[in-house]
């Protein structure tokens, strides 16, 4: 049942993509035919290319407008690498899983790299401050 739905979604997506491709090609031919007699075949082709490049540029700007990272707060200390990695794992768990798989693959293929990484991870931690012992009760 789930497999049929997945296949149906893939087929629907492929049909929509094919229809969009046909529309884009038809629009390109129509634009070329409209400007070919006015400015010549070479400039007509250049105008079609420029039009679609402009459309792609506008689409890219719209899509990436939301991708800008937030500005850091003035006076706040910079985040540590570990905090950034944890935030990345929370926001994009698949990316974090892929990175973890890549790290495991590197370590399986080259186990000599494991010891320095563990030593560096353990050496960078500072021991917690010890609390003074409590005085005995009378």
N, C-alpha and C. Protein backbone atom coordinates (compact mmCIF):
# COMPACT_ATOMS: atom_id res chain seq x y z
N UNK A 1 0.83 -1.18 0.00
CA UNK A 1 0.00 0.00 0.00
C UNK A 1 0.88 1.26 0.00
N UNK A 2 1.86 1.32 0.89
CA UNK A 2 2.75 2.48 0.96
C UNK A 2 3.61 2.56 -0.30
N UNK A 3 4.04 1.39 -0.79
CA UNK A 3 4.86 1.37 -1.99
C UNK A 3 4.08 1.92 -3.18
N UNK A 4 2.81 1.56 -3.29
CA UNK A 4 1.99 2.08 -4.39
C UNK A 4 1.85 3.59 -4.32
N UNK A 5 1.66 4.11 -3.11
CA UNK A 5 1.55 5.56 -2.95
C UNK A 5 2.86 6.24 -3.33
N UNK A 6 3.98 5.65 -2.91
CA UNK A 6 5.28 6.23 -3.24
C UNK A 6 5.51 6.23 -4.75
N UNK A 7 5.18 5.12 -5.40
CA UNK A 7 5.34 5.04 -6.85
C UNK A 7 4.40 6.04 -7.53
N UNK A 8 3.19 6.17 -7.02
CA UNK A 8 2.25 7.14 -7.58
C UNK A 8 2.77 8.56 -7.46
N UNK A 9 3.37 8.89 -6.30
CA UNK A 9 3.95 10.23 -6.13
C UNK A 9 5.11 10.47 -7.08
N UNK A 10 5.95 9.47 -7.27
CA UNK A 10 7.09 9.61 -8.19
C UNK A 10 6.59 9.81 -9.62
N UNK A 11 5.57 9.03 -10.02
CA UNK A 11 5.03 9.16 -11.37
C UNK A 11 4.38 10.54 -11.55
N UNK A 12 3.64 10.99 -10.54
CA UNK A 12 3.01 12.32 -10.63
C UNK A 12 4.06 13.41 -10.73
N UNK A 13 5.11 13.31 -9.93
CA UNK A 13 6.18 14.30 -9.98
C UNK A 13 6.86 14.29 -11.35
N UNK A 14 7.09 13.11 -11.91
CA UNK A 14 7.71 13.01 -13.23
C UNK A 14 6.80 13.62 -14.30
N UNK A 15 5.50 13.40 -14.20
CA UNK A 15 4.56 13.96 -15.18
C UNK A 15 4.53 15.48 -15.08
N UNK A 16 4.54 16.00 -13.86
CA UNK A 16 4.55 17.46 -13.69
C UNK A 16 5.85 18.05 -14.23
N UNK A 17 6.97 17.40 -13.97
CA UNK A 17 8.25 17.88 -14.46
C UNK A 17 8.29 17.85 -15.99
N UNK A 18 7.76 16.79 -16.58
CA UNK A 18 7.74 16.70 -18.04
C UNK A 18 6.86 17.80 -18.63
N UNK A 19 5.70 18.04 -18.02
CA UNK A 19 4.81 19.09 -18.51
C UNK A 19 5.47 20.46 -18.38
N UNK A 20 6.16 20.69 -17.29
CA UNK A 20 6.85 21.97 -17.11
C UNK A 20 7.96 22.12 -18.15
N UNK A 21 8.66 21.06 -18.44
CA UNK A 21 9.70 21.11 -19.47
C UNK A 21 9.13 21.43 -20.84
N UNK A 22 8.01 20.81 -21.17
CA UNK A 22 7.37 21.09 -22.46
C UNK A 22 6.93 22.55 -22.52
N UNK A 23 6.39 23.07 -21.42
CA UNK A 23 5.97 24.48 -21.39
C UNK A 23 7.14 25.42 -21.57
N UNK A 24 8.26 25.11 -20.95
CA UNK A 24 9.43 25.97 -21.06
C UNK A 24 9.95 25.97 -22.50
N UNK A 25 10.01 24.80 -23.11
CA UNK A 25 10.49 24.71 -24.49
C UNK A 25 9.54 25.45 -25.42
N UNK A 26 8.24 25.29 -25.22
CA UNK A 26 7.27 25.99 -26.07
C UNK A 26 7.37 27.51 -25.89
N UNK A 27 7.58 27.95 -24.66
CA UNK A 27 7.74 29.39 -24.42
C UNK A 27 9.02 29.91 -25.09
N UNK A 28 10.07 29.12 -25.05
CA UNK A 28 11.32 29.54 -25.70
C UNK A 28 11.13 29.67 -27.21
N UNK A 29 10.45 28.68 -27.83
CA UNK A 29 10.20 28.77 -29.26
C UNK A 29 9.32 29.96 -29.61
N UNK A 30 8.31 30.21 -28.78
CA UNK A 30 7.41 31.33 -29.05
C UNK A 30 8.16 32.66 -28.95
N UNK A 31 9.00 32.80 -27.95
CA UNK A 31 9.78 34.02 -27.80
C UNK A 31 10.74 34.20 -28.97
N UNK A 32 11.38 33.11 -29.37
CA UNK A 32 12.31 33.18 -30.50
C UNK A 32 11.59 33.59 -31.78
N UNK A 33 10.42 32.99 -32.02
CA UNK A 33 9.66 33.31 -33.23
C UNK A 33 9.18 34.76 -33.21
N UNK A 34 8.90 35.28 -32.02
CA UNK A 34 8.42 36.66 -31.93
C UNK A 34 9.51 37.67 -32.21
N UNK A 35 10.73 37.40 -31.80
CA UNK A 35 11.79 38.40 -31.95
C UNK A 35 12.72 38.12 -33.12
N UNK A 36 12.63 36.95 -33.76
CA UNK A 36 13.53 36.58 -34.85
C UNK A 36 13.42 37.55 -36.02
N UNK A 37 12.22 37.90 -36.39
CA UNK A 37 12.04 38.79 -37.55
C UNK A 37 12.43 40.23 -37.23
N UNK A 38 12.34 40.61 -35.97
CA UNK A 38 12.68 41.99 -35.59
C UNK A 38 14.18 42.21 -35.49
N UNK A 39 14.91 41.26 -34.86
CA UNK A 39 16.33 41.51 -34.58
C UNK A 39 17.26 40.46 -35.20
N UNK A 40 16.73 39.48 -35.92
CA UNK A 40 17.57 38.49 -36.57
C UNK A 40 17.67 37.22 -35.73
N UNK A 41 18.10 36.13 -36.39
CA UNK A 41 18.14 34.84 -35.70
C UNK A 41 19.16 34.76 -34.56
N UNK A 42 20.33 35.33 -34.75
CA UNK A 42 21.36 35.25 -33.69
C UNK A 42 20.93 36.04 -32.45
N UNK A 43 20.47 37.26 -32.67
CA UNK A 43 20.03 38.07 -31.54
C UNK A 43 18.75 37.52 -30.94
N UNK A 44 17.93 36.87 -31.74
CA UNK A 44 16.73 36.22 -31.21
C UNK A 44 17.08 35.11 -30.24
N UNK A 45 18.06 34.29 -30.62
CA UNK A 45 18.52 33.23 -29.74
C UNK A 45 19.15 33.81 -28.47
N UNK A 46 19.90 34.90 -28.65
CA UNK A 46 20.52 35.54 -27.47
C UNK A 46 19.46 36.11 -26.54
N UNK A 47 18.39 36.66 -27.10
CA UNK A 47 17.34 37.21 -26.24
C UNK A 47 16.61 36.11 -25.49
N UNK A 48 16.42 34.95 -26.12
CA UNK A 48 15.79 33.81 -25.42
C UNK A 48 16.69 33.36 -24.27
N UNK A 49 17.98 33.25 -24.53
CA UNK A 49 18.91 32.83 -23.48
C UNK A 49 18.95 33.86 -22.34
N UNK A 50 18.97 35.14 -22.68
CA UNK A 50 19.01 36.17 -21.65
C UNK A 50 17.72 36.18 -20.83
N UNK A 51 16.59 35.96 -21.49
CA UNK A 51 15.31 35.94 -20.76
C UNK A 51 15.28 34.81 -19.76
N UNK A 52 15.70 33.62 -20.18
CA UNK A 52 15.67 32.49 -19.26
C UNK A 52 16.75 32.60 -18.18
N UNK A 53 17.86 33.23 -18.49
CA UNK A 53 18.87 33.47 -17.45
C UNK A 53 18.33 34.43 -16.40
N UNK A 54 17.60 35.45 -16.84
CA UNK A 54 16.99 36.39 -15.91
C UNK A 54 15.95 35.71 -15.04
N UNK A 55 15.13 34.84 -15.63
CA UNK A 55 14.14 34.10 -14.86
C UNK A 55 14.83 33.20 -13.83
N UNK A 56 15.91 32.54 -14.23
CA UNK A 56 16.65 31.67 -13.30
C UNK A 56 17.28 32.49 -12.17
N UNK A 57 17.78 33.67 -12.49
CA UNK A 57 18.38 34.53 -11.48
C UNK A 57 17.34 34.98 -10.45
N UNK A 58 16.17 35.39 -10.94
CA UNK A 58 15.10 35.82 -10.03
C UNK A 58 14.65 34.65 -9.16
N UNK A 59 14.50 33.47 -9.74
CA UNK A 59 14.10 32.30 -8.96
C UNK A 59 15.15 31.96 -7.91
N UNK A 60 16.43 32.05 -8.27
CA UNK A 60 17.49 31.76 -7.30
C UNK A 60 17.50 32.77 -6.17
N UNK A 61 17.28 34.03 -6.47
CA UNK A 61 17.24 35.06 -5.42
C UNK A 61 16.06 34.84 -4.48
N UNK A 62 14.92 34.45 -5.03
CA UNK A 62 13.74 34.20 -4.19
C UNK A 62 13.98 32.99 -3.28
N UNK A 63 14.58 31.95 -3.83
CA UNK A 63 14.80 30.74 -3.04
C UNK A 63 15.86 30.95 -1.97
N UNK A 64 16.94 31.66 -2.30
CA UNK A 64 18.03 31.82 -1.34
C UNK A 64 17.84 33.00 -0.39
N UNK A 65 16.81 33.78 -0.58
CA UNK A 65 16.58 34.92 0.30
C UNK A 65 16.37 34.48 1.74
N UNK A 66 15.69 33.37 1.93
CA UNK A 66 15.42 32.88 3.27
C UNK A 66 16.59 32.09 3.84
N UNK A 67 17.58 31.80 3.05
CA UNK A 67 18.69 30.96 3.50
C UNK A 67 19.79 31.74 4.20
N UNK A 68 19.65 33.05 4.32
CA UNK A 68 20.69 33.83 4.97
C UNK A 68 20.69 33.56 6.47
N UNK A 69 21.86 33.36 7.06
CA UNK A 69 21.90 33.09 8.50
C UNK A 69 21.56 34.35 9.29
N UNK A 70 21.02 34.17 10.48
CA UNK A 70 20.70 35.35 11.29
C UNK A 70 21.98 36.06 11.73
N UNK A 71 21.87 37.37 11.90
CA UNK A 71 23.03 38.14 12.33
C UNK A 71 23.29 37.87 13.81
N UNK A 72 24.57 37.75 14.20
CA UNK A 72 24.86 37.50 15.61
C UNK A 72 24.53 38.71 16.47
N UNK A 73 24.14 38.44 17.68
CA UNK A 73 23.80 39.50 18.62
C UNK A 73 25.09 40.19 19.07
N UNK A 74 25.08 41.52 19.12
CA UNK A 74 26.26 42.27 19.52
C UNK A 74 26.58 41.98 20.98
N UNK A 75 27.80 41.72 21.28
CA UNK A 75 28.25 41.51 22.65
C UNK A 75 28.10 40.07 23.10
N UNK A 76 27.47 39.20 22.31
CA UNK A 76 27.32 37.80 22.69
C UNK A 76 28.61 37.05 22.33
N UNK A 77 29.02 36.12 23.17
CA UNK A 77 30.23 35.36 22.85
C UNK A 77 29.97 34.45 21.64
N UNK A 78 30.98 34.22 20.81
CA UNK A 78 30.78 33.36 19.65
C UNK A 78 30.48 31.92 20.09
N UNK A 79 29.65 31.25 19.30
CA UNK A 79 29.29 29.88 19.64
C UNK A 79 30.49 28.97 19.41
N UNK A 80 30.55 27.92 20.21
CA UNK A 80 31.62 26.95 20.03
C UNK A 80 31.27 26.04 18.86
N UNK A 81 32.27 25.31 18.39
CA UNK A 81 32.06 24.40 17.28
C UNK A 81 31.07 23.31 17.67
N UNK A 82 31.16 22.82 18.90
CA UNK A 82 30.24 21.78 19.34
C UNK A 82 28.80 22.28 19.35
N UNK A 83 28.58 23.51 19.79
CA UNK A 83 27.22 24.07 19.80
C UNK A 83 26.69 24.22 18.38
N UNK A 84 27.55 24.63 17.46
CA UNK A 84 27.12 24.76 16.07
C UNK A 84 26.76 23.40 15.48
N UNK A 85 27.56 22.37 15.80
CA UNK A 85 27.27 21.03 15.30
C UNK A 85 25.97 20.48 15.88
N UNK A 86 25.72 20.75 17.13
CA UNK A 86 24.47 20.29 17.75
C UNK A 86 23.28 20.99 17.11
N UNK A 87 23.41 22.30 16.86
CA UNK A 87 22.33 23.02 16.19
C UNK A 87 22.09 22.47 14.78
N UNK A 88 23.17 22.16 14.06
CA UNK A 88 23.04 21.59 12.73
C UNK A 88 22.33 20.24 12.79
N UNK A 89 22.69 19.42 13.78
CA UNK A 89 22.06 18.10 13.91
C UNK A 89 20.57 18.23 14.23
N UNK A 90 20.21 19.24 15.01
CA UNK A 90 18.79 19.44 15.33
C UNK A 90 18.01 19.94 14.12
N UNK A 91 18.62 20.86 13.35
CA UNK A 91 17.93 21.42 12.20
C UNK A 91 17.87 20.45 11.02
N UNK A 92 18.95 19.72 10.82
CA UNK A 92 19.04 18.83 9.66
C UNK A 92 19.58 17.47 10.11
N UNK A 93 18.71 16.60 10.61
CA UNK A 93 19.16 15.31 11.11
C UNK A 93 19.73 14.40 10.03
N UNK A 94 19.25 14.50 8.80
CA UNK A 94 19.79 13.65 7.74
C UNK A 94 21.22 14.03 7.39
N UNK A 95 21.51 15.33 7.41
CA UNK A 95 22.87 15.77 7.14
C UNK A 95 23.80 15.28 8.26
N UNK A 96 23.33 15.36 9.49
CA UNK A 96 24.13 14.90 10.62
C UNK A 96 24.37 13.39 10.54
N UNK A 97 23.34 12.65 10.14
CA UNK A 97 23.51 11.19 10.01
C UNK A 97 24.49 10.87 8.89
N UNK A 98 24.43 11.61 7.80
CA UNK A 98 25.39 11.39 6.71
C UNK A 98 26.81 11.72 7.12
N UNK A 99 26.98 12.80 7.89
CA UNK A 99 28.32 13.16 8.36
C UNK A 99 28.84 12.10 9.32
N UNK A 100 27.97 11.61 10.18
CA UNK A 100 28.40 10.55 11.11
C UNK A 100 28.79 9.29 10.35
N UNK A 101 28.04 8.94 9.31
CA UNK A 101 28.37 7.78 8.51
C UNK A 101 29.71 7.97 7.79
N UNK A 102 29.97 9.19 7.32
CA UNK A 102 31.25 9.46 6.66
C UNK A 102 32.41 9.33 7.64
N UNK A 103 32.23 9.82 8.86
CA UNK A 103 33.28 9.72 9.88
C UNK A 103 33.55 8.26 10.20
N UNK A 104 32.49 7.47 10.36
CA UNK A 104 32.65 6.03 10.66
C UNK A 104 33.37 5.35 9.50
N UNK A 105 33.01 5.69 8.26
CA UNK A 105 33.66 5.06 7.11
C UNK A 105 35.15 5.40 7.06
N UNK A 106 35.51 6.64 7.38
CA UNK A 106 36.92 7.02 7.39
C UNK A 106 37.66 6.27 8.48
N UNK A 107 37.04 6.14 9.63
CA UNK A 107 37.71 5.46 10.74
C UNK A 107 37.84 3.96 10.50
N UNK A 108 36.88 3.36 9.80
CA UNK A 108 36.97 1.94 9.49
C UNK A 108 38.09 1.70 8.49
N UNK A 109 38.21 2.59 7.52
CA UNK A 109 39.24 2.41 6.49
C UNK A 109 40.64 2.76 7.00
N UNK A 110 40.72 3.68 7.97
CA UNK A 110 42.01 4.11 8.49
C UNK A 110 41.93 4.20 10.01
N UNK A 111 42.11 3.07 10.71
CA UNK A 111 41.97 3.09 12.18
C UNK A 111 43.07 3.89 12.89
N UNK A 112 44.17 4.20 12.22
CA UNK A 112 45.24 4.97 12.85
C UNK A 112 44.79 6.39 13.20
N UNK A 113 43.79 6.87 12.50
CA UNK A 113 43.32 8.23 12.73
C UNK A 113 42.45 8.33 13.98
N UNK A 114 41.96 7.19 14.46
CA UNK A 114 41.05 7.19 15.60
C UNK A 114 41.73 7.64 16.89
N UNK A 115 42.94 7.18 17.17
CA UNK A 115 43.63 7.53 18.43
C UNK A 115 43.89 9.04 18.56
N UNK A 116 44.42 9.73 17.56
CA UNK A 116 44.61 11.18 17.72
C UNK A 116 43.29 11.95 17.89
N UNK A 117 42.25 11.48 17.22
CA UNK A 117 40.97 12.17 17.35
C UNK A 117 40.43 12.03 18.77
N UNK A 118 40.50 10.83 19.31
CA UNK A 118 40.03 10.62 20.68
C UNK A 118 40.90 11.41 21.66
N UNK A 119 42.21 11.41 21.46
CA UNK A 119 43.10 12.16 22.35
C UNK A 119 42.80 13.65 22.29
N UNK A 120 42.56 14.17 21.10
CA UNK A 120 42.25 15.59 20.96
C UNK A 120 40.91 15.93 21.61
N UNK A 121 39.94 15.04 21.45
CA UNK A 121 38.63 15.29 22.05
C UNK A 121 38.71 15.28 23.57
N UNK A 122 39.48 14.37 24.11
CA UNK A 122 39.58 14.29 25.57
C UNK A 122 40.49 15.37 26.14
N UNK A 123 41.50 15.79 25.40
CA UNK A 123 42.44 16.80 25.90
C UNK A 123 41.81 18.19 25.92
N UNK A 124 40.85 18.44 25.06
CA UNK A 124 40.28 19.79 24.99
C UNK A 124 39.32 20.07 26.15
N UNK A 125 38.91 19.05 26.83
CA UNK A 125 37.99 19.25 27.94
C UNK A 125 38.77 19.61 29.20
N UNK A 126 38.29 20.62 29.86
CA UNK A 126 38.90 20.98 31.14
C UNK A 126 38.12 20.28 32.24
N UNK A 127 38.82 19.82 33.26
CA UNK A 127 38.10 19.13 34.33
C UNK A 127 37.20 20.11 35.07
N UNK A 128 36.06 19.65 35.55
CA UNK A 128 35.17 20.55 36.27
C UNK A 128 35.79 21.00 37.59
N UNK A 129 35.43 22.20 38.00
CA UNK A 129 35.96 22.72 39.26
C UNK A 129 35.38 21.90 40.41
N UNK A 130 36.25 21.58 41.35
CA UNK A 130 35.80 20.77 42.49
C UNK A 130 35.22 21.69 43.55
N UNK A 131 34.14 21.21 44.14
CA UNK A 131 33.53 21.96 45.22
C UNK A 131 34.26 21.63 46.51
N UNK A 132 34.41 22.63 47.38
CA UNK A 132 35.07 22.32 48.66
C UNK A 132 34.18 21.39 49.48
N UNK A 133 34.80 20.52 50.25
CA UNK A 133 33.97 19.59 51.05
C UNK A 133 33.17 20.33 52.10
N UNK A 134 32.00 19.78 52.40
CA UNK A 134 31.15 20.41 53.40
C UNK A 134 31.71 20.11 54.79
N UNK A 135 31.58 21.09 55.66
CA UNK A 135 32.07 20.83 57.02
C UNK A 135 31.16 19.80 57.70
N UNK A 136 31.74 18.99 58.57
CA UNK A 136 30.92 17.98 59.25
C UNK A 136 29.88 18.61 60.17
N UNK A 137 28.76 17.96 60.32
CA UNK A 137 27.71 18.46 61.21
C UNK A 137 28.07 18.13 62.67
N UNK A 138 27.74 19.05 63.56
CA UNK A 138 28.05 18.76 64.99
C UNK A 138 27.06 17.81 65.60
